[in-house]
C-alpha atoms as a PDB file:
ATOM      1  CA  MET A   1      10.777 -24.942  -6.564  1.00  0.00           C
ATOM      2  CA  LYS A   2      13.652 -24.495  -8.951  1.00  0.00           C
ATOM      3  CA  ASN A   3      15.988 -24.002  -6.018  1.00  0.00           C
ATOM      4  CA  LEU A   4      14.742 -27.312  -4.479  1.00  0.00           C
ATOM      5  CA  LEU A   5      15.402 -29.261  -7.692  1.00  0.00           C
ATOM      6  CA  THR A   6      18.821 -27.803  -8.278  1.00  0.00           C
ATOM      7  CA  GLY A   7      20.052 -26.912  -4.793  1.00  0.00           C
ATOM      8  CA  ALA A   8      21.654 -28.631  -1.861  1.00  0.00           C
ATOM      9  CA  TYR A   9      18.570 -30.667  -1.032  1.00  0.00           C
ATOM     10  CA  TRP A  10      18.207 -32.207  -4.470  1.00  0.00           C
ATOM     11  CA  GLN A  11      21.920 -32.849  -4.763  1.00  0.00           C
ATOM     12  CA  GLY A  12      22.003 -34.552  -1.411  1.00  0.00           C
ATOM     13  CA  PHE A  13      19.043 -36.741  -2.311  1.00  0.00           C
ATOM     14  CA  LYS A  14      20.569 -37.764  -5.612  1.00  0.00           C
ATOM     15  CA  ARG A  15      23.813 -38.657  -3.959  1.00  0.00           C
ATOM     16  CA  SER A  16      21.946 -40.679  -1.341  1.00  0.00           C
ATOM     17  CA  LEU A  17      19.940 -42.551  -3.923  1.00  0.00           C
ATOM     18  CA  ALA A  18      23.038 -43.288  -5.964  1.00  0.00           C
ATOM     19  CA  THR A  19      24.983 -44.449  -2.838  1.00  0.00           C
ATOM     20  CA  TYR A  20      22.383 -46.579  -1.129  1.00  0.00           C
ATOM     21  CA  THR A  21      20.640 -48.100  -4.110  1.00  0.00           C
ATOM     22  CA  ARG A  22      21.533 -49.605  -7.529  1.00  0.00           C
ATOM     23  CA  ILE A  23      19.264 -47.059  -9.359  1.00  0.00           C
ATOM     24  CA  PRO A  24      21.360 -45.613 -12.164  1.00  0.00           C
ATOM     25  CA  LEU A  25      21.629 -41.804 -11.783  1.00  0.00           C
ATOM     26  CA  ARG A  26      23.906 -39.091 -13.209  1.00  0.00           C
ATOM     27  CA  VAL A  27      25.374 -37.373 -10.151  1.00  0.00           C
ATOM     28  CA  ASP A  28      27.863 -34.532  -9.964  1.00  0.00           C
ATOM     29  CA  TRP A  29      30.279 -35.728  -7.332  1.00  0.00           C
ATOM     30  CA  ARG A  30      32.511 -32.688  -7.376  1.00  0.00           C
ATOM     31  CA  ASP A  31      33.303 -31.401  -3.840  1.00  0.00           C
ATOM     32  CA  ASP A  32      32.397 -27.798  -4.756  1.00  0.00           C
ATOM     33  CA  VAL A  33      28.743 -28.778  -5.522  1.00  0.00           C
ATOM     34  CA  GLU A  34      26.580 -27.615  -2.675  1.00  0.00           C
ATOM     35  CA  HIS A  35      24.748 -30.524  -1.087  1.00  0.00           C
ATOM     36  CA  LEU A  36      23.424 -31.806   2.176  1.00  0.00           C
ATOM     37  CA  PRO A  37      25.046 -34.996   3.502  1.00  0.00           C
ATOM     38  CA  ALA A  38      23.734 -37.907   1.505  1.00  0.00           C
ATOM     39  CA  VAL A  39      23.154 -40.018   4.640  1.00  0.00           C
ATOM     40  CA  SER A  40      20.635 -37.479   5.914  1.00  0.00           C
ATOM     41  CA  PHE A  41      18.347 -38.558   3.069  1.00  0.00           C
ATOM     42  CA  LEU A  42      18.503 -42.214   3.949  1.00  0.00           C
ATOM     43  CA  PRO A  43      14.903 -42.336   5.153  1.00  0.00           C
ATOM     44  CA  TRP A  44      13.814 -40.755   1.877  1.00  0.00           C
ATOM     45  CA  VAL A  45      15.647 -43.517   0.011  1.00  0.00           C
ATOM     46  CA  GLY A  46      13.591 -45.951   2.113  1.00  0.00           C
ATOM     47  CA  ILE A  47      10.409 -44.465   0.632  1.00  0.00           C
ATOM     48  CA  VAL A  48      11.708 -45.049  -2.931  1.00  0.00           C
ATOM     49  CA  VAL A  49      12.690 -48.610  -2.126  1.00  0.00           C
ATOM     50  CA  ALA A  50       9.489 -49.360  -0.412  1.00  0.00           C
ATOM     51  CA  ILE A  51       7.172 -47.927  -3.167  1.00  0.00           C
ATOM     52  CA  VAL A  52       8.968 -49.714  -5.951  1.00  0.00           C
ATOM     53  CA  SER A  53       8.939 -52.975  -4.052  1.00  0.00           C
ATOM     54  CA  THR A  54       5.186 -52.947  -3.444  1.00  0.00           C
ATOM     55  CA  TRP A  55       4.332 -54.041  -6.982  1.00  0.00           C
ATOM     56  CA  PRO A  56       3.414 -57.591  -5.880  1.00  0.00           C
ATOM     57  CA  LEU A  57       0.489 -56.168  -3.919  1.00  0.00           C
ATOM     58  CA  TRP A  58      -1.287 -55.346  -7.203  1.00  0.00           C
ATOM     59  CA  PHE A  59      -1.471 -59.058  -8.064  1.00  0.00           C
ATOM     60  CA  ASP A  60      -3.887 -61.611  -6.643  1.00  0.00           C
ATOM     61  CA  TRP A  61      -1.213 -63.774  -5.151  1.00  0.00           C
ATOM     62  CA  SER A  62      -0.889 -65.451  -1.774  1.00  0.00           C
ATOM     63  CA  THR A  63       0.497 -63.167   0.888  1.00  0.00           C
ATOM     64  CA  SER A  64       3.532 -65.460   1.210  1.00  0.00           C
ATOM     65  CA  LEU A  65       4.442 -65.020  -2.386  1.00  0.00           C
ATOM     66  CA  GLN A  66       3.733 -61.273  -2.266  1.00  0.00           C
ATOM     67  CA  ALA A  67       6.038 -60.963   0.755  1.00  0.00           C
ATOM     68  CA  LEU A  68       8.740 -62.989  -0.865  1.00  0.00           C
ATOM     69  CA  PHE A  69       8.774 -60.824  -3.982  1.00  0.00           C
ATOM     70  CA  MET A  70       8.613 -57.553  -1.943  1.00  0.00           C
ATOM     71  CA  LEU A  71      11.677 -58.612  -0.025  1.00  0.00           C
ATOM     72  CA  LEU A  72      13.492 -59.766  -3.159  1.00  0.00           C
ATOM     73  CA  THR A  73      12.763 -56.506  -4.969  1.00  0.00           C
ATOM     74  CA  ALA A  74      14.031 -54.454  -1.977  1.00  0.00           C
ATOM     75  CA  VAL A  75      17.241 -56.499  -1.900  1.00  0.00           C
ATOM     76  CA  LEU A  76      17.811 -56.007  -5.658  1.00  0.00           C
ATOM     77  CA  LEU A  77      17.147 -52.277  -5.432  1.00  0.00           C
ATOM     78  CA  THR A  78      19.712 -51.822  -2.615  1.00  0.00           C
ATOM     79  CA  GLY A  79      22.147 -54.420  -3.880  1.00  0.00           C
ATOM     80  CA  GLY A  80      21.968 -56.212  -0.549  1.00  0.00           C
ATOM     81  CA  PHE A  81      23.789 -53.234   0.958  1.00  0.00           C
ATOM     82  CA  HIS A  82      22.335 -53.579   4.494  1.00  0.00           C
ATOM     83  CA  GLU A  83      22.237 -57.431   4.373  1.00  0.00           C
ATOM     84  CA  ASP A  84      25.938 -57.478   3.570  1.00  0.00           C
ATOM     85  CA  GLY A  85      26.517 -55.343   6.713  1.00  0.00           C
ATOM     86  CA  LEU A  86      24.521 -57.720   8.767  1.00  0.00           C
ATOM     87  CA  MET A  87      26.541 -60.679   7.595  1.00  0.00           C
ATOM     88  CA  ASP A  88      29.926 -59.044   8.126  1.00  0.00           C
ATOM     89  CA  THR A  89      28.904 -57.768  11.540  1.00  0.00           C
ATOM     90  CA  SER A  90      27.724 -61.264  12.629  1.00  0.00           C
ATOM     91  CA  ASP A  91      30.984 -62.840  11.569  1.00  0.00           C
ATOM     92  CA  GLY A  92      33.088 -60.194  13.117  1.00  0.00           C
ATOM     93  CA  LEU A  93      31.409 -59.468  16.471  1.00  0.00           C
ATOM     94  CA  VAL A  94      30.560 -63.077  17.211  1.00  0.00           C
ATOM     95  CA  GLY A  95      33.637 -64.752  15.784  1.00  0.00           C
ATOM     96  CA  GLY A  96      36.323 -62.353  16.873  1.00  0.00           C
ATOM     97  CA  TRP A  97      38.117 -62.465  20.224  1.00  0.00           C
ATOM     98  CA  ASN A  98      39.192 -58.821  20.439  1.00  0.00           C
ATOM     99  CA  LYS A  99      38.471 -55.412  18.804  1.00  0.00           C
ATOM    100  CA  GLU A 100      41.228 -55.699  16.136  1.00  0.00           C
ATOM    101  CA  GLN A 101      40.294 -59.226  15.191  1.00  0.00           C
ATOM    102  CA  ARG A 102      36.610 -58.421  15.018  1.00  0.00           C
ATOM    103  CA  LEU A 103      37.250 -55.430  12.684  1.00  0.00           C
ATOM    104  CA  THR A 104      39.657 -57.499  10.568  1.00  0.00           C
ATOM    105  CA  ILE A 105      36.980 -60.246  10.137  1.00  0.00           C
ATOM    106  CA  MET A 106      34.333 -57.626   9.252  1.00  0.00           C
ATOM    107  CA  LYS A 107      36.551 -56.406   6.352  1.00  0.00           C
ATOM    108  CA  ASP A 108      36.997 -59.999   5.081  1.00  0.00           C
ATOM    109  CA  SER A 109      34.805 -60.690   2.068  1.00  0.00           C
ATOM    110  CA  ARG A 110      34.520 -64.377   2.836  1.00  0.00           C
ATOM    111  CA  LEU A 111      31.282 -65.789   4.246  1.00  0.00           C
ATOM    112  CA  GLY A 112      31.427 -67.414   7.664  1.00  0.00           C
ATOM    113  CA  SER A 113      28.967 -69.584   9.561  1.00  0.00           C
ATOM    114  CA  TYR A 114      27.668 -66.746  11.719  1.00  0.00           C
ATOM    115  CA  ALA A 115      26.986 -64.632   8.629  1.00  0.00           C
ATOM    116  CA  ALA A 116      25.039 -67.494   7.064  1.00  0.00           C
ATOM    117  CA  LEU A 117      22.993 -68.054  10.171  1.00  0.00           C
ATOM    118  CA  SER A 118      22.238 -64.373  10.662  1.00  0.00           C
ATOM    119  CA  ILE A 119      21.037 -63.734   7.072  1.00  0.00           C
ATOM    120  CA  TRP A 120      18.893 -66.883   7.107  1.00  0.00           C
ATOM    121  CA  PHE A 121      17.176 -66.006  10.309  1.00  0.00           C
ATOM    122  CA  SER A 122      16.817 -62.341   9.311  1.00  0.00           C
ATOM    123  CA  LEU A 123      15.255 -62.964   5.896  1.00  0.00           C
ATOM    124  CA  THR A 124      13.117 -65.795   7.250  1.00  0.00           C
ATOM    125  CA  LEU A 125      11.802 -63.636  10.099  1.00  0.00           C
ATOM    126  CA  LYS A 126      11.039 -60.732   7.748  1.00  0.00           C
ATOM    127  CA  TRP A 127       9.274 -63.052   5.277  1.00  0.00           C
ATOM    128  CA  LEU A 128       7.113 -64.638   7.971  1.00  0.00           C
ATOM    129  CA  LEU A 129       6.336 -61.398   9.755  1.00  0.00           C
ATOM    130  CA  LEU A 130       5.586 -59.530   6.431  1.00  0.00           C
ATOM    131  CA  SER A 131       3.323 -62.398   5.274  1.00  0.00           C
ATOM    132  CA  GLU A 132       1.336 -62.144   8.468  1.00  0.00           C
ATOM    133  CA  LEU A 133       1.164 -58.342   8.192  1.00  0.00           C
ATOM    134  CA  LEU A 134      -0.184 -58.600   4.635  1.00  0.00           C
ATOM    135  CA  ASN A 135      -2.944 -60.842   5.955  1.00  0.00           C
ATOM    136  CA  THR A 136      -4.183 -58.044   8.172  1.00  0.00           C
ATOM    137  CA  GLY A 137      -5.014 -55.796   5.168  1.00  0.00           C
ATOM    138  CA  SER A 138      -8.600 -55.881   3.790  1.00  0.00           C
ATOM    139  CA  ASN A 139      -9.345 -56.708   0.159  1.00  0.00           C
ATOM    140  CA  SER A 140     -10.110 -53.081  -0.738  1.00  0.00           C
ATOM    141  CA  PHE A 141      -8.398 -50.061  -2.070  1.00  0.00           C
ATOM    142  CA  LEU A 142      -8.024 -48.581   1.436  1.00  0.00           C
ATOM    143  CA  GLY A 143      -6.580 -51.898   2.615  1.00  0.00           C
ATOM    144  CA  LEU A 144      -3.989 -51.675  -0.212  1.00  0.00           C
ATOM    145  CA  ILE A 145      -3.146 -48.129   0.756  1.00  0.00           C
ATOM    146  CA  TYR A 146      -2.704 -49.229   4.357  1.00  0.00           C
ATOM    147  CA  LEU A 147      -0.251 -51.967   3.370  1.00  0.00           C
ATOM    148  CA  ILE A 148       1.718 -49.702   1.096  1.00  0.00           C
ATOM    149  CA  THR A 149       1.938 -47.027   3.813  1.00  0.00           C
ATOM    150  CA  SER A 150       2.961 -49.710   6.405  1.00  0.00           C
ATOM    151  CA  TRP A 151       5.676 -50.965   4.059  1.00  0.00           C
ATOM    152  CA  CYS A 152       6.987 -47.462   3.548  1.00  0.00           C
ATOM    153  CA  ALA A 153       7.060 -47.026   7.354  1.00  0.00           C
ATOM    154  CA  VAL A 154       9.124 -50.173   7.701  1.00  0.00           C
ATOM    155  CA  HIS A 155      11.856 -48.941   5.323  1.00  0.00           C
ATOM    156  CA  VAL A 156      11.791 -45.314   6.563  1.00  0.00           C
ATOM    157  CA  LEU A 157      11.812 -45.921  10.283  1.00  0.00           C
ATOM    158  CA  ALA A 158      14.367 -48.753  10.042  1.00  0.00           C
ATOM    159  CA  ARG A 159      16.753 -46.305   8.370  1.00  0.00           C
ATOM    160  CA  VAL A 160      16.684 -44.059  11.399  1.00  0.00           C
ATOM    161  CA  PHE A 161      18.397 -46.732  13.460  1.00  0.00           C
ATOM    162  CA  PRO A 162      21.787 -46.265  11.820  1.00  0.00           C
ATOM    163  CA  LEU A 163      21.475 -42.512  11.961  1.00  0.00           C
ATOM    164  CA  VAL A 164      20.966 -42.546  15.729  1.00  0.00           C
ATOM    165  CA  LEU A 165      23.875 -44.907  16.254  1.00  0.00           C
ATOM    166  CA  MET A 166      26.103 -42.601  14.203  1.00  0.00           C
ATOM    167  CA  HIS A 167      25.531 -39.946  16.821  1.00  0.00           C
ATOM    168  CA  CYS A 168      25.845 -42.158  19.859  1.00  0.00           C
ATOM    169  CA  LEU A 169      29.147 -43.845  19.018  1.00  0.00           C
ATOM    170  CA  ASP A 170      32.597 -43.114  17.565  1.00  0.00           C
ATOM    171  CA  TYR A 171      33.557 -44.298  14.120  1.00  0.00           C
ATOM    172  CA  VAL A 172      36.150 -47.153  14.128  1.00  0.00           C
ATOM    173  CA  THR A 173      37.972 -48.906  11.329  1.00  0.00           C
ATOM    174  CA  LEU A 174      41.242 -50.646  10.373  1.00  0.00           C
ATOM    175  CA  GLY A 175      42.849 -48.816   7.497  1.00  0.00           C
ATOM    176  CA  ASP A 176      40.868 -47.005   4.760  1.00  0.00           C
ATOM    177  CA  SER A 177      37.177 -47.486   4.575  1.00  0.00           C
ATOM    178  CA  LYS A 178      34.578 -46.540   1.908  1.00  0.00           C
ATOM    179  CA  ALA A 179      31.971 -46.048   4.648  1.00  0.00           C
ATOM    180  CA  GLN A 180      34.086 -43.228   6.258  1.00  0.00           C
ATOM    181  CA  SER A 181      33.141 -40.821   3.470  1.00  0.00           C
ATOM    182  CA  MET A 182      29.384 -41.462   4.185  1.00  0.00           C
ATOM    183  CA  ILE A 183      29.569 -40.604   7.859  1.00  0.00           C
ATOM    184  CA  ALA A 184      28.420 -37.096   8.823  1.00  0.00           C
ATOM    185  CA  ARG A 185      27.437 -35.370  12.067  1.00  0.00           C
ATOM    186  CA  PHE A 186      24.004 -33.871  11.780  1.00  0.00           C
ATOM    187  CA  GLY A 187      22.884 -30.311  12.573  1.00  0.00           C
ATOM    188  CA  MET A 188      19.291 -29.248  13.004  1.00  0.00           C
ATOM    189  CA  LYS A 189      18.721 -28.998   9.264  1.00  0.00           C
ATOM    190  CA  GLU A 190      19.952 -32.527   8.548  1.00  0.00           C
ATOM    191  CA  TRP A 191      17.818 -34.018  11.404  1.00  0.00           C
ATOM    192  CA  ILE A 192      14.747 -32.249  10.097  1.00  0.00           C
ATOM    193  CA  VAL A 193      15.367 -33.660   6.583  1.00  0.00           C
ATOM    194  CA  ALA A 194      15.840 -37.194   8.033  1.00  0.00           C
ATOM    195  CA  LEU A 195      12.872 -37.115  10.392  1.00  0.00           C
ATOM    196  CA  VAL A 196      10.143 -35.483   8.310  1.00  0.00           C
ATOM    197  CA  PRO A 197       9.219 -38.705   6.397  1.00  0.00           C
ATOM    198  CA  CYS A 198       9.436 -40.661   9.626  1.00  0.00           C
ATOM    199  CA  ALA A 199       6.951 -38.419  11.379  1.00  0.00           C
ATOM    200  CA  ILE A 200       4.555 -38.418   8.435  1.00  0.00           C
ATOM    201  CA  LEU A 201       4.506 -42.204   8.015  1.00  0.00           C
ATOM    202  CA  ALA A 202       4.322 -42.818  11.768  1.00  0.00           C
ATOM    203  CA  ILE A 203       1.174 -40.664  11.968  1.00  0.00           C
ATOM    204  CA  LEU A 204      -0.333 -42.391   8.932  1.00  0.00           C
ATOM    205  CA  SER A 205       0.387 -45.839  10.250  1.00  0.00           C
ATOM    206  CA  LEU A 206      -0.055 -45.602  13.985  1.00  0.00           C
ATOM    207  CA  SER A 207      -2.064 -43.949  16.718  1.00  0.00           C
ATOM    208  CA  LEU A 208      -0.451 -41.460  19.026  1.00  0.00           C
ATOM    209  CA  LEU A 209      -0.296 -44.052  21.807  1.00  0.00           C
ATOM    210  CA  GLU A 210       1.268 -46.640  19.449  1.00  0.00           C
ATOM    211  CA  ILE A 211       3.836 -44.015  18.293  1.00  0.00           C
ATOM    212  CA  ALA A 212       4.795 -43.297  21.874  1.00  0.00           C
ATOM    213  CA  LEU A 213       5.149 -46.997  22.645  1.00  0.00           C
ATOM    214  CA  VAL A 214       7.207 -47.687  19.525  1.00  0.00           C
ATOM    215  CA  ALA A 215       9.472 -44.722  20.297  1.00  0.00           C
ATOM    216  CA  VAL A 216      10.152 -46.025  23.836  1.00  0.00           C
ATOM    217  CA  LEU A 217      10.782 -49.592  22.724  1.00  0.00           C
ATOM    218  CA  ALA A 218      12.991 -48.467  19.853  1.00  0.00           C
ATOM    219  CA  ALA A 219      15.010 -46.288  22.141  1.00  0.00           C
ATOM    220  CA  LEU A 220      15.562 -49.255  24.510  1.00  0.00           C
ATOM    221  CA  PHE A 221      16.447 -51.494  21.576  1.00  0.00           C
ATOM    222  CA  LEU A 222      18.909 -48.890  20.212  1.00  0.00           C
ATOM    223  CA  LEU A 223      20.437 -48.526  23.701  1.00  0.00           C
ATOM    224  CA  ALA A 224      21.008 -52.259  23.751  1.00  0.00           C
ATOM    225  CA  ILE A 225      22.676 -52.222  20.292  1.00  0.00           C
ATOM    226  CA  ARG A 226      24.778 -49.245  21.317  1.00  0.00           C
ATOM    227  CA  GLN A 227      26.001 -50.959  24.458  1.00  0.00           C
ATOM    228  CA  TYR A 228      26.805 -54.143  22.531  1.00  0.00           C
ATOM    229  CA  LEU A 229      28.791 -52.323  19.875  1.00  0.00           C
ATOM    230  CA  GLN A 230      30.590 -50.298  22.497  1.00  0.00           C
ATOM    231  CA  HIS A 231      31.568 -53.440  24.318  1.00  0.00           C
ATOM    232  CA  LYS A 232      32.654 -55.286  21.143  1.00  0.00           C
ATOM    233  CA  ILE A 233      34.485 -52.634  19.080  1.00  0.00           C
ATOM    234  CA  GLN A 234      34.210 -49.417  21.074  1.00  0.00           C
ATOM    235  CA  GLY A 235      32.239 -47.729  18.328  1.00  0.00           C
ATOM    236  CA  PHE A 236      30.558 -48.378  14.991  1.00  0.00           C
ATOM    237  CA  ASN A 237      31.525 -48.965  11.381  1.00  0.00           C
ATOM    238  CA  GLY A 238      29.562 -49.190   8.083  1.00  0.00           C
ATOM    239  CA  ASP A 239      28.763 -52.888   8.577  1.00  0.00           C
ATOM    240  CA  ALA A 240      27.355 -52.275  11.989  1.00  0.00           C
ATOM    241  CA  LEU A 241      25.081 -49.552  10.604  1.00  0.00           C
ATOM    242  CA  GLY A 242      23.808 -51.949   7.932  1.00  0.00           C
ATOM    243  CA  ALA A 243      23.088 -54.590  10.591  1.00  0.00           C
ATOM    244  CA  SER A 244      21.173 -52.043  12.665  1.00  0.00           C
ATOM    245  CA  GLU A 245      18.991 -51.174   9.653  1.00  0.00           C
ATOM    246  CA  GLN A 246      18.137 -54.887   9.254  1.00  0.00           C
ATOM    247  CA  PHE A 247      17.233 -55.151  12.965  1.00  0.00           C
ATOM    248  CA  GLY A 248      15.108 -52.030  12.474  1.00  0.00           C
ATOM    249  CA  GLU A 249      13.131 -53.573   9.683  1.00  0.00           C
ATOM    250  CA  ILE A 250      12.321 -56.647  11.814  1.00  0.00           C
ATOM    251  CA  PHE A 251      11.418 -54.419  14.744  1.00  0.00           C
ATOM    252  CA  VAL A 252       9.078 -52.195  12.782  1.00  0.00           C
ATOM    253  CA  ILE A 253       7.301 -55.087  10.918  1.00  0.00           C
ATOM    254  CA  ALA A 254       6.819 -56.888  14.319  1.00  0.00           C
ATOM    255  CA  ALA A 255       5.445 -53.712  15.933  1.00  0.00           C
ATOM    256  CA  LEU A 256       2.999 -53.054  13.078  1.00  0.00           C
ATOM    257  CA  LEU A 257       1.827 -56.669  13.177  1.00  0.00           C
ATOM    258  CA  VAL A 258       1.183 -56.510  16.966  1.00  0.00           C
ATOM    259  CA  PHE A 259      -0.806 -53.313  16.583  1.00  0.00           C
ATOM    260  CA  ALA A 260      -2.774 -54.669  13.637  1.00  0.00           C
ATOM    261  CA  SER A 261      -3.742 -57.925  15.367  1.00  0.00           C
END
């Protein structure tokens, strides 16, 4: 236990939590500190974000208001990290005419029309889908547990999307990039760390048949995203990974809603 709390796993998790959320943590960033790649703990960060953002479920509010505050809390916890990637990706991939122009636009901090449209549709879709999903839960303690588990599954499974794309494409950028230091190729140990929470929450939220169906549809969805990124920029960058996480959230919420109805 002591080794887990002080060793490479704990150091990797703390670095991941400090990198992908706004939660204040004291982290030893020295290179000689043994740690697993922070990005391998991204699904575990999803559990933290999900659990903290379920507080509206404890109040007797309408599902629309609960969903709104759940989404708002998640955005505040992450600092809009993935949403920012979605907006930059939309501006660059849709607005640019060639690879260099697209990558240049994605590094531009100004907000374009495609970014505004993408974030509006993304948040609106998530709000409507989540509101409907919350309506499927019964007014009981078990119903509450089901909704909390489902919300955790959304944030955990969606964070697998960027991990898969990292291993299917080459990293591309213009000049220096903060995201480059977060990119890591996984070995068996890193994949196990990343996929353990996914497997647990998938089993708790879905039947075996539903898990198989989600896996197939997610693979096809990721293949389409991969082909699009390969066509547009011949690889991926940090913004594209953030966008894929947002697509993942919508995909998982929609899947849970279909299976619950």
